[in-house]
């Protein structure tokens, strides 16, 4: 029988009763900024606990690195090649990723609120956003909208509730208000910015739902987009490369792009052939491929489109 996965976590219990808040990072092994941010949160709460000044109404569970096998490989996935963010709720006796998904799903179901932190990983760069599914329950949806706004990133993005296999789909089915966040990638110069924004954003949301006292505002929010179409929320399937080659982006994250607008080109390094790539949508440039080498069919860009 396969050994059950035990996620490494820290839980901080306040003196007053209140909800259970879960924060996770490292669902993909090549996304490190969330791990740094959750470690910073752990250090903050440990220091307050030592000083007898935790002042928390409820409890917080922090999981810095959910997908430990993928982390030690320095890769998006563990050795079985399964994407953990497409494998939930998993299986208790399956492959390593299926067992990790099962452990994560059990933890999500135990929570009253949930944040899952991500980046573009080793391949993509992504515009800072706080996202949520457009939950059918208006009370849960209102919680998620407030959580996403409080996180205070430039884009608040609500998308289809019909995507399965993800941490947020587990939360959806368990009626746990949940958001996910994305920021940067490729270990770029944004690393410290992303870590700081995630640290502060988590504290903002904990305050928003009443677990802690922490001054916050939504001064960084520039766009609020809700897109209920089934195609929304799929980041890594948009704008496939027309050929093998090197991708040269000609747009920037956060740009407003029109349908048909040029966002880059792909160059065959051997023949010199160039293919201009154009946007299939009008909206905000949300994701760009940061690794230049591409194969035909690889996603080059994603757009947050306001229908």
C-alpha atoms as a PDB file:
ATOM      1  CA  UNK A   1       0.000   0.000   0.000  1.00  0.00           C
ATOM      2  CA  UNK A   2       1.257   3.500  -0.855  1.00  0.00           C
ATOM      3  CA  UNK A   3       2.311   5.655   2.068  1.00  0.00           C
ATOM      4  CA  UNK A   4      -0.014   8.547   2.914  1.00  0.00           C
ATOM      5  CA  UNK A   5       1.360  12.035   2.268  1.00  0.00           C
ATOM      6  CA  UNK A   6       1.759  14.257   5.331  1.00  0.00           C
ATOM      7  CA  UNK A   7       1.879  17.928   4.401  1.00  0.00           C
ATOM      8  CA  UNK A   8       4.333  19.971   6.475  1.00  0.00           C
ATOM      9  CA  UNK A   9       2.411  22.801   8.100  1.00  0.00           C
ATOM     10  CA  UNK A  10       2.305  25.191  11.024  1.00  0.00           C
ATOM     11  CA  UNK A  11      -0.937  26.109  12.805  1.00  0.00           C
ATOM     12  CA  UNK A  12      -1.369  29.167  15.013  1.00  0.00           C
ATOM     13  CA  UNK A  13      -4.315  29.246  17.399  1.00  0.00           C
ATOM     14  CA  UNK A  14      -5.602  32.516  18.788  1.00  0.00           C
ATOM     15  CA  UNK A  15      -6.995  33.063  22.262  1.00  0.00           C
ATOM     16  CA  UNK A  16     -10.450  33.781  20.879  1.00  0.00           C
ATOM     17  CA  UNK A  17     -12.738  31.498  18.912  1.00  0.00           C
ATOM     18  CA  UNK A  18     -13.045  32.088  15.193  1.00  0.00           C
ATOM     19  CA  UNK A  19     -12.690  30.555  11.734  1.00  0.00           C
ATOM     20  CA  UNK A  20      -9.928  28.293  10.427  1.00  0.00           C
ATOM     21  CA  UNK A  21      -7.946  30.007   7.655  1.00  0.00           C
ATOM     22  CA  UNK A  22      -5.679  27.957   5.345  1.00  0.00           C
ATOM     23  CA  UNK A  23      -2.858  29.412   3.210  1.00  0.00           C
ATOM     24  CA  UNK A  24      -0.821  27.221   0.840  1.00  0.00           C
ATOM     25  CA  UNK A  25       2.126  27.654  -1.532  1.00  0.00           C
ATOM     26  CA  UNK A  26       4.311  25.402  -3.622  1.00  0.00           C
ATOM     27  CA  UNK A  27       1.526  23.489  -5.360  1.00  0.00           C
ATOM     28  CA  UNK A  28       3.964  23.608  -8.270  1.00  0.00           C
ATOM     29  CA  UNK A  29       7.594  22.890  -7.439  1.00  0.00           C
ATOM     30  CA  UNK A  30       9.030  25.734  -9.530  1.00  0.00           C
ATOM     31  CA  UNK A  31       7.051  28.496  -7.774  1.00  0.00           C
ATOM     32  CA  UNK A  32       9.195  29.766  -4.913  1.00  0.00           C
ATOM     33  CA  UNK A  33       7.955  33.259  -4.048  1.00  0.00           C
ATOM     34  CA  UNK A  34       4.883  31.867  -2.218  1.00  0.00           C
ATOM     35  CA  UNK A  35       7.184  29.675  -0.127  1.00  0.00           C
ATOM     36  CA  UNK A  36       9.221  32.721   0.954  1.00  0.00           C
ATOM     37  CA  UNK A  37       6.043  34.667   1.747  1.00  0.00           C
ATOM     38  CA  UNK A  38       4.550  31.884   3.874  1.00  0.00           C
ATOM     39  CA  UNK A  39       7.843  31.488   5.754  1.00  0.00           C
ATOM     40  CA  UNK A  40       7.721  35.221   6.494  1.00  0.00           C
ATOM     41  CA  UNK A  41       4.169  34.834   7.817  1.00  0.00           C
ATOM     42  CA  UNK A  42       5.310  31.892   9.955  1.00  0.00           C
ATOM     43  CA  UNK A  43       8.146  33.947  11.432  1.00  0.00           C
ATOM     44  CA  UNK A  44       5.770  36.836  12.167  1.00  0.00           C
ATOM     45  CA  UNK A  45       3.234  34.651  13.981  1.00  0.00           C
ATOM     46  CA  UNK A  46       5.972  32.774  15.871  1.00  0.00           C
ATOM     47  CA  UNK A  47       7.426  36.067  17.085  1.00  0.00           C
ATOM     48  CA  UNK A  48       4.012  37.318  18.188  1.00  0.00           C
ATOM     49  CA  UNK A  49       3.346  33.996  19.911  1.00  0.00           C
ATOM     50  CA  UNK A  50       6.629  34.230  21.866  1.00  0.00           C
ATOM     51  CA  UNK A  51       5.732  37.756  22.910  1.00  0.00           C
ATOM     52  CA  UNK A  52       2.237  36.682  23.993  1.00  0.00           C
ATOM     53  CA  UNK A  53       0.785  39.041  21.395  1.00  0.00           C
ATOM     54  CA  UNK A  54      -0.783  36.731  18.781  1.00  0.00           C
ATOM     55  CA  UNK A  55      -4.185  38.493  19.098  1.00  0.00           C
ATOM     56  CA  UNK A  56      -5.920  36.126  16.708  1.00  0.00           C
ATOM     57  CA  UNK A  57      -9.615  35.261  16.577  1.00  0.00           C
ATOM     58  CA  UNK A  58      -9.503  31.713  15.248  1.00  0.00           C
ATOM     59  CA  UNK A  59      -6.600  29.787  13.776  1.00  0.00           C
ATOM     60  CA  UNK A  60      -4.352  29.907  10.719  1.00  0.00           C
ATOM     61  CA  UNK A  61      -2.694  26.913   9.051  1.00  0.00           C
ATOM     62  CA  UNK A  62       0.303  27.669   6.810  1.00  0.00           C
ATOM     63  CA  UNK A  63       1.656  25.162   4.276  1.00  0.00           C
ATOM     64  CA  UNK A  64       4.688  26.687   2.524  1.00  0.00           C
ATOM     65  CA  UNK A  65       5.321  23.837   0.064  1.00  0.00           C
ATOM     66  CA  UNK A  66       2.487  21.456  -0.768  1.00  0.00           C
ATOM     67  CA  UNK A  67       4.272  19.639  -3.593  1.00  0.00           C
ATOM     68  CA  UNK A  68       7.535  18.696  -1.907  1.00  0.00           C
ATOM     69  CA  UNK A  69       8.544  16.025  -4.481  1.00  0.00           C
ATOM     70  CA  UNK A  70       8.232  18.575  -7.307  1.00  0.00           C
ATOM     71  CA  UNK A  71      10.123  21.188  -5.278  1.00  0.00           C
ATOM     72  CA  UNK A  72      13.116  18.892  -4.775  1.00  0.00           C
ATOM     73  CA  UNK A  73      13.129  18.167  -8.518  1.00  0.00           C
ATOM     74  CA  UNK A  74      13.112  21.910  -9.240  1.00  0.00           C
ATOM     75  CA  UNK A  75      10.202  21.245 -11.572  1.00  0.00           C
ATOM     76  CA  UNK A  76       6.509  22.005 -11.930  1.00  0.00           C
ATOM     77  CA  UNK A  77       5.526  18.394 -11.275  1.00  0.00           C
ATOM     78  CA  UNK A  78       6.694  15.361  -9.317  1.00  0.00           C
ATOM     79  CA  UNK A  79       8.191  12.306 -11.010  1.00  0.00           C
ATOM     80  CA  UNK A  80       4.796  10.968 -12.116  1.00  0.00           C
ATOM     81  CA  UNK A  81       4.369  14.027 -14.382  1.00  0.00           C
ATOM     82  CA  UNK A  82       0.900  14.894 -13.091  1.00  0.00           C
ATOM     83  CA  UNK A  83      -0.028  18.521 -12.535  1.00  0.00           C
ATOM     84  CA  UNK A  84      -1.175  18.762  -8.918  1.00  0.00           C
ATOM     85  CA  UNK A  85      -3.419  21.688  -9.861  1.00  0.00           C
ATOM     86  CA  UNK A  86      -5.320  19.381 -12.226  1.00  0.00           C
ATOM     87  CA  UNK A  87      -5.353  16.262 -10.008  1.00  0.00           C
ATOM     88  CA  UNK A  88      -7.504  17.256  -7.012  1.00  0.00           C
ATOM     89  CA  UNK A  89      -9.203  15.723  -5.096  1.00  0.00           C
ATOM     90  CA  UNK A  90      -6.695  12.929  -5.754  1.00  0.00           C
ATOM     91  CA  UNK A  91      -6.565   9.407  -4.332  1.00  0.00           C
ATOM     92  CA  UNK A  92      -5.265   8.139  -0.978  1.00  0.00           C
ATOM     93  CA  UNK A  93      -3.611   5.141  -2.675  1.00  0.00           C
ATOM     94  CA  UNK A  94      -2.579   6.613  -6.034  1.00  0.00           C
ATOM     95  CA  UNK A  95       0.656   8.048  -7.413  1.00  0.00           C
ATOM     96  CA  UNK A  96       2.657  10.577  -5.417  1.00  0.00           C
ATOM     97  CA  UNK A  97       0.782  13.533  -6.952  1.00  0.00           C
ATOM     98  CA  UNK A  98      -2.602  11.859  -6.464  1.00  0.00           C
ATOM     99  CA  UNK A  99      -1.766  11.216  -2.785  1.00  0.00           C
ATOM    100  CA  UNK A 100      -0.536  14.790  -2.343  1.00  0.00           C
ATOM    101  CA  UNK A 101      -3.755  16.050  -3.934  1.00  0.00           C
ATOM    102  CA  UNK A 102      -5.750  13.890  -1.539  1.00  0.00           C
ATOM    103  CA  UNK A 103      -3.899  15.303   1.491  1.00  0.00           C
ATOM    104  CA  UNK A 104      -4.333  18.867   0.232  1.00  0.00           C
ATOM    105  CA  UNK A 105      -8.036  18.319  -0.441  1.00  0.00           C
ATOM    106  CA  UNK A 106      -8.618  16.966   3.059  1.00  0.00           C
ATOM    107  CA  UNK A 107      -6.952  20.064   4.510  1.00  0.00           C
ATOM    108  CA  UNK A 108      -8.989  22.427   2.325  1.00  0.00           C
ATOM    109  CA  UNK A 109     -12.218  20.780   3.494  1.00  0.00           C
ATOM    110  CA  UNK A 110     -11.202  21.434   7.112  1.00  0.00           C
ATOM    111  CA  UNK A 111     -10.894  25.185   6.502  1.00  0.00           C
ATOM    112  CA  UNK A 112     -13.405  28.028   6.626  1.00  0.00           C
ATOM    113  CA  UNK A 113     -11.384  30.269   4.271  1.00  0.00           C
ATOM    114  CA  UNK A 114      -8.546  29.502   1.858  1.00  0.00           C
ATOM    115  CA  UNK A 115      -5.791  31.253  -0.129  1.00  0.00           C
ATOM    116  CA  UNK A 116      -3.597  29.396  -2.650  1.00  0.00           C
ATOM    117  CA  UNK A 117      -0.470  31.305  -3.790  1.00  0.00           C
ATOM    118  CA  UNK A 118       1.114  30.762  -7.233  1.00  0.00           C
ATOM    119  CA  UNK A 119       3.501  32.317  -9.784  1.00  0.00           C
ATOM    120  CA  UNK A 120       4.202  31.782 -13.475  1.00  0.00           C
ATOM    121  CA  UNK A 121       6.859  29.235 -12.518  1.00  0.00           C
ATOM    122  CA  UNK A 122       9.909  28.558 -14.650  1.00  0.00           C
ATOM    123  CA  UNK A 123       8.216  29.190 -18.002  1.00  0.00           C
ATOM    124  CA  UNK A 124       5.747  32.075 -17.679  1.00  0.00           C
ATOM    125  CA  UNK A 125       5.540  35.578 -16.279  1.00  0.00           C
ATOM    126  CA  UNK A 126       2.139  36.642 -14.998  1.00  0.00           C
ATOM    127  CA  UNK A 127       0.440  39.908 -14.129  1.00  0.00           C
ATOM    128  CA  UNK A 128      -0.321  40.209 -10.394  1.00  0.00           C
ATOM    129  CA  UNK A 129      -3.869  39.033  -9.739  1.00  0.00           C
ATOM    130  CA  UNK A 130      -6.226  37.682  -7.111  1.00  0.00           C
ATOM    131  CA  UNK A 131      -8.724  35.293  -8.666  1.00  0.00           C
ATOM    132  CA  UNK A 132     -11.773  33.335  -7.631  1.00  0.00           C
ATOM    133  CA  UNK A 133     -14.489  31.190  -9.169  1.00  0.00           C
ATOM    134  CA  UNK A 134     -17.943  32.676  -9.686  1.00  0.00           C
ATOM    135  CA  UNK A 135     -19.536  30.507  -7.017  1.00  0.00           C
ATOM    136  CA  UNK A 136     -23.271  29.796  -7.275  1.00  0.00           C
ATOM    137  CA  UNK A 137     -23.797  30.664  -3.601  1.00  0.00           C
ATOM    138  CA  UNK A 138     -24.055  34.488  -3.393  1.00  0.00           C
ATOM    139  CA  UNK A 139     -22.775  34.548   0.199  1.00  0.00           C
ATOM    140  CA  UNK A 140     -19.608  32.613  -0.699  1.00  0.00           C
ATOM    141  CA  UNK A 141     -19.159  34.697  -3.840  1.00  0.00           C
ATOM    142  CA  UNK A 142     -19.366  37.883  -1.781  1.00  0.00           C
ATOM    143  CA  UNK A 143     -16.717  36.549   0.614  1.00  0.00           C
ATOM    144  CA  UNK A 144     -14.439  35.745  -2.343  1.00  0.00           C
ATOM    145  CA  UNK A 145     -14.903  39.151  -3.953  1.00  0.00           C
ATOM    146  CA  UNK A 146     -13.989  40.873  -0.696  1.00  0.00           C
ATOM    147  CA  UNK A 147     -11.000  38.597  -0.113  1.00  0.00           C
ATOM    148  CA  UNK A 148      -9.670  39.202  -3.642  1.00  0.00           C
ATOM    149  CA  UNK A 149     -10.076  42.981  -3.364  1.00  0.00           C
ATOM    150  CA  UNK A 150      -8.446  43.021   0.079  1.00  0.00           C
ATOM    151  CA  UNK A 151      -5.405  41.130  -1.220  1.00  0.00           C
ATOM    152  CA  UNK A 152      -4.635  44.374  -3.068  1.00  0.00           C
ATOM    153  CA  UNK A 153      -3.086  43.224  -6.353  1.00  0.00           C
ATOM    154  CA  UNK A 154      -3.665  45.084  -9.634  1.00  0.00           C
ATOM    155  CA  UNK A 155      -6.206  42.632 -11.097  1.00  0.00           C
ATOM    156  CA  UNK A 156      -9.239  41.093  -9.398  1.00  0.00           C
ATOM    157  CA  UNK A 157     -10.443  38.287 -11.675  1.00  0.00           C
ATOM    158  CA  UNK A 158     -13.568  36.170 -11.306  1.00  0.00           C
ATOM    159  CA  UNK A 159     -13.876  33.260 -13.729  1.00  0.00           C
ATOM    160  CA  UNK A 160     -15.918  30.175 -14.525  1.00  0.00           C
ATOM    161  CA  UNK A 161     -16.789  27.898 -11.595  1.00  0.00           C
ATOM    162  CA  UNK A 162     -16.676  24.845 -13.872  1.00  0.00           C
ATOM    163  CA  UNK A 163     -12.935  24.064 -13.853  1.00  0.00           C
ATOM    164  CA  UNK A 164     -12.149  20.845 -12.014  1.00  0.00           C
ATOM    165  CA  UNK A 165      -9.038  19.193 -10.602  1.00  0.00           C
ATOM    166  CA  UNK A 166      -7.842  22.301  -8.795  1.00  0.00           C
ATOM    167  CA  UNK A 167      -7.475  23.384  -5.220  1.00  0.00           C
ATOM    168  CA  UNK A 168     -10.217  25.953  -5.771  1.00  0.00           C
ATOM    169  CA  UNK A 169     -12.576  23.327  -7.195  1.00  0.00           C
ATOM    170  CA  UNK A 170     -12.189  21.359  -3.946  1.00  0.00           C
ATOM    171  CA  UNK A 171     -12.990  24.539  -2.016  1.00  0.00           C
ATOM    172  CA  UNK A 172     -15.941  25.214  -4.352  1.00  0.00           C
ATOM    173  CA  UNK A 173     -17.430  21.773  -3.717  1.00  0.00           C
ATOM    174  CA  UNK A 174     -16.892  22.119   0.055  1.00  0.00           C
ATOM    175  CA  UNK A 175     -18.414  25.633   0.100  1.00  0.00           C
ATOM    176  CA  UNK A 176     -15.162  27.133   1.418  1.00  0.00           C
ATOM    177  CA  UNK A 177     -14.624  30.747   0.263  1.00  0.00           C
ATOM    178  CA  UNK A 178     -11.302  30.678  -1.601  1.00  0.00           C
ATOM    179  CA  UNK A 179      -9.040  32.788  -3.766  1.00  0.00           C
ATOM    180  CA  UNK A 180      -5.819  32.101  -5.634  1.00  0.00           C
ATOM    181  CA  UNK A 181      -3.098  34.617  -6.414  1.00  0.00           C
ATOM    182  CA  UNK A 182      -0.535  34.856  -9.208  1.00  0.00           C
ATOM    183  CA  UNK A 183       2.496  37.144  -9.481  1.00  0.00           C
ATOM    184  CA  UNK A 184       5.612  37.066 -11.657  1.00  0.00           C
ATOM    185  CA  UNK A 185       7.706  34.001 -12.373  1.00  0.00           C
ATOM    186  CA  UNK A 186      11.034  32.928 -13.855  1.00  0.00           C
ATOM    187  CA  UNK A 187      12.897  34.141 -10.722  1.00  0.00           C
ATOM    188  CA  UNK A 188      12.885  37.603 -12.225  1.00  0.00           C
ATOM    189  CA  UNK A 189      13.661  40.895 -10.530  1.00  0.00           C
ATOM    190  CA  UNK A 190      10.083  40.817  -9.203  1.00  0.00           C
ATOM    191  CA  UNK A 191      10.935  38.110  -6.665  1.00  0.00           C
ATOM    192  CA  UNK A 192      11.119  40.425  -3.658  1.00  0.00           C
ATOM    193  CA  UNK A 193       8.140  42.448  -4.881  1.00  0.00           C
ATOM    194  CA  UNK A 194       6.023  39.299  -5.217  1.00  0.00           C
ATOM    195  CA  UNK A 195       7.101  37.971  -1.827  1.00  0.00           C
ATOM    196  CA  UNK A 196       6.316  41.269  -0.104  1.00  0.00           C
ATOM    197  CA  UNK A 197       2.972  41.632  -1.875  1.00  0.00           C
ATOM    198  CA  UNK A 198       1.985  38.092  -0.888  1.00  0.00           C
ATOM    199  CA  UNK A 199       3.027  38.623   2.737  1.00  0.00           C
ATOM    200  CA  UNK A 200       1.058  41.859   3.015  1.00  0.00           C
ATOM    201  CA  UNK A 201      -1.873  40.545   0.970  1.00  0.00           C
ATOM    202  CA  UNK A 202      -2.380  37.537   3.234  1.00  0.00           C
ATOM    203  CA  UNK A 203      -2.415  39.796   6.295  1.00  0.00           C
ATOM    204  CA  UNK A 204      -4.948  42.042   4.546  1.00  0.00           C
ATOM    205  CA  UNK A 205      -7.290  39.120   3.906  1.00  0.00           C
ATOM    206  CA  UNK A 206      -6.909  37.739   7.442  1.00  0.00           C
ATOM    207  CA  UNK A 207      -8.002  41.184   8.652  1.00  0.00           C
ATOM    208  CA  UNK A 208     -10.841  41.349   6.122  1.00  0.00           C
ATOM    209  CA  UNK A 209     -12.451  38.184   7.528  1.00  0.00           C
ATOM    210  CA  UNK A 210     -11.838  39.243  11.129  1.00  0.00           C
ATOM    211  CA  UNK A 211      -9.009  36.943  12.282  1.00  0.00           C
ATOM    212  CA  UNK A 212      -6.537  39.731  13.033  1.00  0.00           C
ATOM    213  CA  UNK A 213      -6.361  43.497  13.249  1.00  0.00           C
ATOM    214  CA  UNK A 214      -4.294  44.911  10.392  1.00  0.00           C
ATOM    215  CA  UNK A 215      -4.806  48.183   8.486  1.00  0.00           C
ATOM    216  CA  UNK A 216      -5.390  47.623   4.783  1.00  0.00           C
ATOM    217  CA  UNK A 217      -6.887  49.148   1.669  1.00  0.00           C
ATOM    218  CA  UNK A 218      -7.362  48.205  -1.965  1.00  0.00           C
ATOM    219  CA  UNK A 219      -5.250  51.009  -3.388  1.00  0.00           C
ATOM    220  CA  UNK A 220      -3.365  48.788  -5.847  1.00  0.00           C
ATOM    221  CA  UNK A 221      -6.465  47.349  -7.562  1.00  0.00           C
ATOM    222  CA  UNK A 222      -6.654  48.701 -11.130  1.00  0.00           C
ATOM    223  CA  UNK A 223      -8.957  46.243 -12.881  1.00  0.00           C
ATOM    224  CA  UNK A 224     -11.934  44.166 -11.768  1.00  0.00           C
ATOM    225  CA  UNK A 225     -13.016  41.603 -14.362  1.00  0.00           C
ATOM    226  CA  UNK A 226     -15.661  38.896 -14.037  1.00  0.00           C
ATOM    227  CA  UNK A 227     -15.997  36.456 -16.936  1.00  0.00           C
ATOM    228  CA  UNK A 228     -18.494  33.589 -16.469  1.00  0.00           C
ATOM    229  CA  UNK A 229     -17.770  31.886 -19.802  1.00  0.00           C
ATOM    230  CA  UNK A 230     -16.454  28.326 -19.698  1.00  0.00           C
ATOM    231  CA  UNK A 231     -13.330  29.447 -21.565  1.00  0.00           C
ATOM    232  CA  UNK A 232     -12.314  31.873 -18.808  1.00  0.00           C
ATOM    233  CA  UNK A 233      -9.628  30.941 -16.315  1.00  0.00           C
ATOM    234  CA  UNK A 234      -7.647  28.724 -18.722  1.00  0.00           C
ATOM    235  CA  UNK A 235      -4.275  30.466 -18.731  1.00  0.00           C
ATOM    236  CA  UNK A 236      -1.990  27.943 -20.411  1.00  0.00           C
ATOM    237  CA  UNK A 237      -4.063  27.037 -23.440  1.00  0.00           C
ATOM    238  CA  UNK A 238      -4.427  30.466 -25.055  1.00  0.00           C
ATOM    239  CA  UNK A 239      -2.539  31.718 -28.114  1.00  0.00           C
ATOM    240  CA  UNK A 240      -0.583  28.600 -29.136  1.00  0.00           C
ATOM    241  CA  UNK A 241       2.685  29.046 -30.996  1.00  0.00           C
ATOM    242  CA  UNK A 242       2.284  28.526 -34.764  1.00  0.00           C
ATOM    243  CA  UNK A 243       5.786  27.004 -35.172  1.00  0.00           C
ATOM    244  CA  UNK A 244       8.783  25.698 -33.236  1.00  0.00           C
ATOM    245  CA  UNK A 245      11.310  28.422 -32.464  1.00  0.00           C
ATOM    246  CA  UNK A 246      12.098  31.386 -30.219  1.00  0.00           C
ATOM    247  CA  UNK A 247       9.324  33.591 -28.884  1.00  0.00           C
ATOM    248  CA  UNK A 248       9.998  37.340 -28.872  1.00  0.00           C
ATOM    249  CA  UNK A 249       7.304  39.226 -26.915  1.00  0.00           C
ATOM    250  CA  UNK A 250       6.359  42.674 -28.206  1.00  0.00           C
ATOM    251  CA  UNK A 251       3.781  43.382 -25.503  1.00  0.00           C
ATOM    252  CA  UNK A 252       4.072  43.814 -21.753  1.00  0.00           C
ATOM    253  CA  UNK A 253       2.125  42.398 -18.835  1.00  0.00           C
ATOM    254  CA  UNK A 254      -0.788  44.664 -17.977  1.00  0.00           C
ATOM    255  CA  UNK A 255      -1.032  46.158 -21.481  1.00  0.00           C
ATOM    256  CA  UNK A 256      -4.488  46.629 -22.941  1.00  0.00           C
ATOM    257  CA  UNK A 257      -4.450  44.811 -26.279  1.00  0.00           C
ATOM    258  CA  UNK A 258      -7.002  44.806 -29.066  1.00  0.00           C
ATOM    259  CA  UNK A 259      -8.157  41.717 -30.917  1.00  0.00           C
ATOM    260  CA  UNK A 260      -5.788  41.351 -33.872  1.00  0.00           C
ATOM    261  CA  UNK A 261      -3.039  43.353 -32.214  1.00  0.00           C
ATOM    262  CA  UNK A 262       0.523  42.036 -32.509  1.00  0.00           C
ATOM    263  CA  UNK A 263       1.914  40.745 -29.213  1.00  0.00           C
ATOM    264  CA  UNK A 264       5.065  39.029 -30.490  1.00  0.00           C
ATOM    265  CA  UNK A 265       6.732  36.842 -33.060  1.00  0.00           C
ATOM    266  CA  UNK A 266       8.208  33.369 -33.220  1.00  0.00           C
ATOM    267  CA  UNK A 267      11.497  32.917 -35.073  1.00  0.00           C
ATOM    268  CA  UNK A 268      12.848  29.636 -36.420  1.00  0.00           C
ATOM    269  CA  UNK A 269      16.550  29.954 -35.447  1.00  0.00           C
ATOM    270  CA  UNK A 270      17.665  27.687 -38.303  1.00  0.00           C
ATOM    271  CA  UNK A 271      15.636  28.856 -41.293  1.00  0.00           C
ATOM    272  CA  UNK A 272      15.064  32.426 -40.130  1.00  0.00           C
ATOM    273  CA  UNK A 273      11.334  32.052 -40.737  1.00  0.00           C
ATOM    274  CA  UNK A 274       9.290  34.522 -38.695  1.00  0.00           C
ATOM    275  CA  UNK A 275       5.664  34.222 -37.672  1.00  0.00           C
ATOM    276  CA  UNK A 276       3.882  37.251 -36.268  1.00  0.00           C
ATOM    277  CA  UNK A 277       1.436  36.337 -33.503  1.00  0.00           C
ATOM    278  CA  UNK A 278      -1.713  38.369 -32.897  1.00  0.00           C
ATOM    279  CA  UNK A 279      -4.162  38.538 -30.060  1.00  0.00           C
ATOM    280  CA  UNK A 280      -7.382  36.592 -30.480  1.00  0.00           C
ATOM    281  CA  UNK A 281      -9.062  38.736 -27.826  1.00  0.00           C
ATOM    282  CA  UNK A 282      -9.398  42.267 -26.508  1.00  0.00           C
ATOM    283  CA  UNK A 283      -8.363  42.678 -22.885  1.00  0.00           C
ATOM    284  CA  UNK A 284      -5.484  42.819 -20.426  1.00  0.00           C
ATOM    285  CA  UNK A 285      -2.241  40.969 -21.184  1.00  0.00           C
ATOM    286  CA  UNK A 286      -2.269  38.575 -18.262  1.00  0.00           C
ATOM    287  CA  UNK A 287       0.437  36.015 -19.023  1.00  0.00           C
ATOM    288  CA  UNK A 288       3.471  35.918 -21.312  1.00  0.00           C
ATOM    289  CA  UNK A 289       5.850  33.092 -22.016  1.00  0.00           C
ATOM    290  CA  UNK A 290       9.192  34.050 -20.459  1.00  0.00           C
ATOM    291  CA  UNK A 291      11.170  31.027 -21.645  1.00  0.00           C
ATOM    292  CA  UNK A 292      12.044  31.868 -25.282  1.00  0.00           C
ATOM    293  CA  UNK A 293      12.227  28.291 -26.603  1.00  0.00           C
ATOM    294  CA  UNK A 294       8.812  27.125 -27.789  1.00  0.00           C
ATOM    295  CA  UNK A 295       7.307  24.185 -29.579  1.00  0.00           C
ATOM    296  CA  UNK A 296       4.362  24.482 -31.910  1.00  0.00           C
ATOM    297  CA  UNK A 297       1.230  24.560 -29.774  1.00  0.00           C
ATOM    298  CA  UNK A 298       2.858  25.947 -26.610  1.00  0.00           C
ATOM    299  CA  UNK A 299       0.888  28.827 -25.070  1.00  0.00           C
ATOM    300  CA  UNK A 300       2.506  32.220 -25.666  1.00  0.00           C
ATOM    301  CA  UNK A 301       0.108  34.653 -24.030  1.00  0.00           C
ATOM    302  CA  UNK A 302      -3.171  34.829 -22.102  1.00  0.00           C
ATOM    303  CA  UNK A 303      -5.640  37.692 -21.953  1.00  0.00           C
ATOM    304  CA  UNK A 304      -8.138  38.607 -19.246  1.00  0.00           C
ATOM    305  CA  UNK A 305     -11.097  39.534 -21.396  1.00  0.00           C
ATOM    306  CA  UNK A 306     -14.068  41.515 -20.094  1.00  0.00           C
ATOM    307  CA  UNK A 307     -17.041  40.040 -21.984  1.00  0.00           C
END
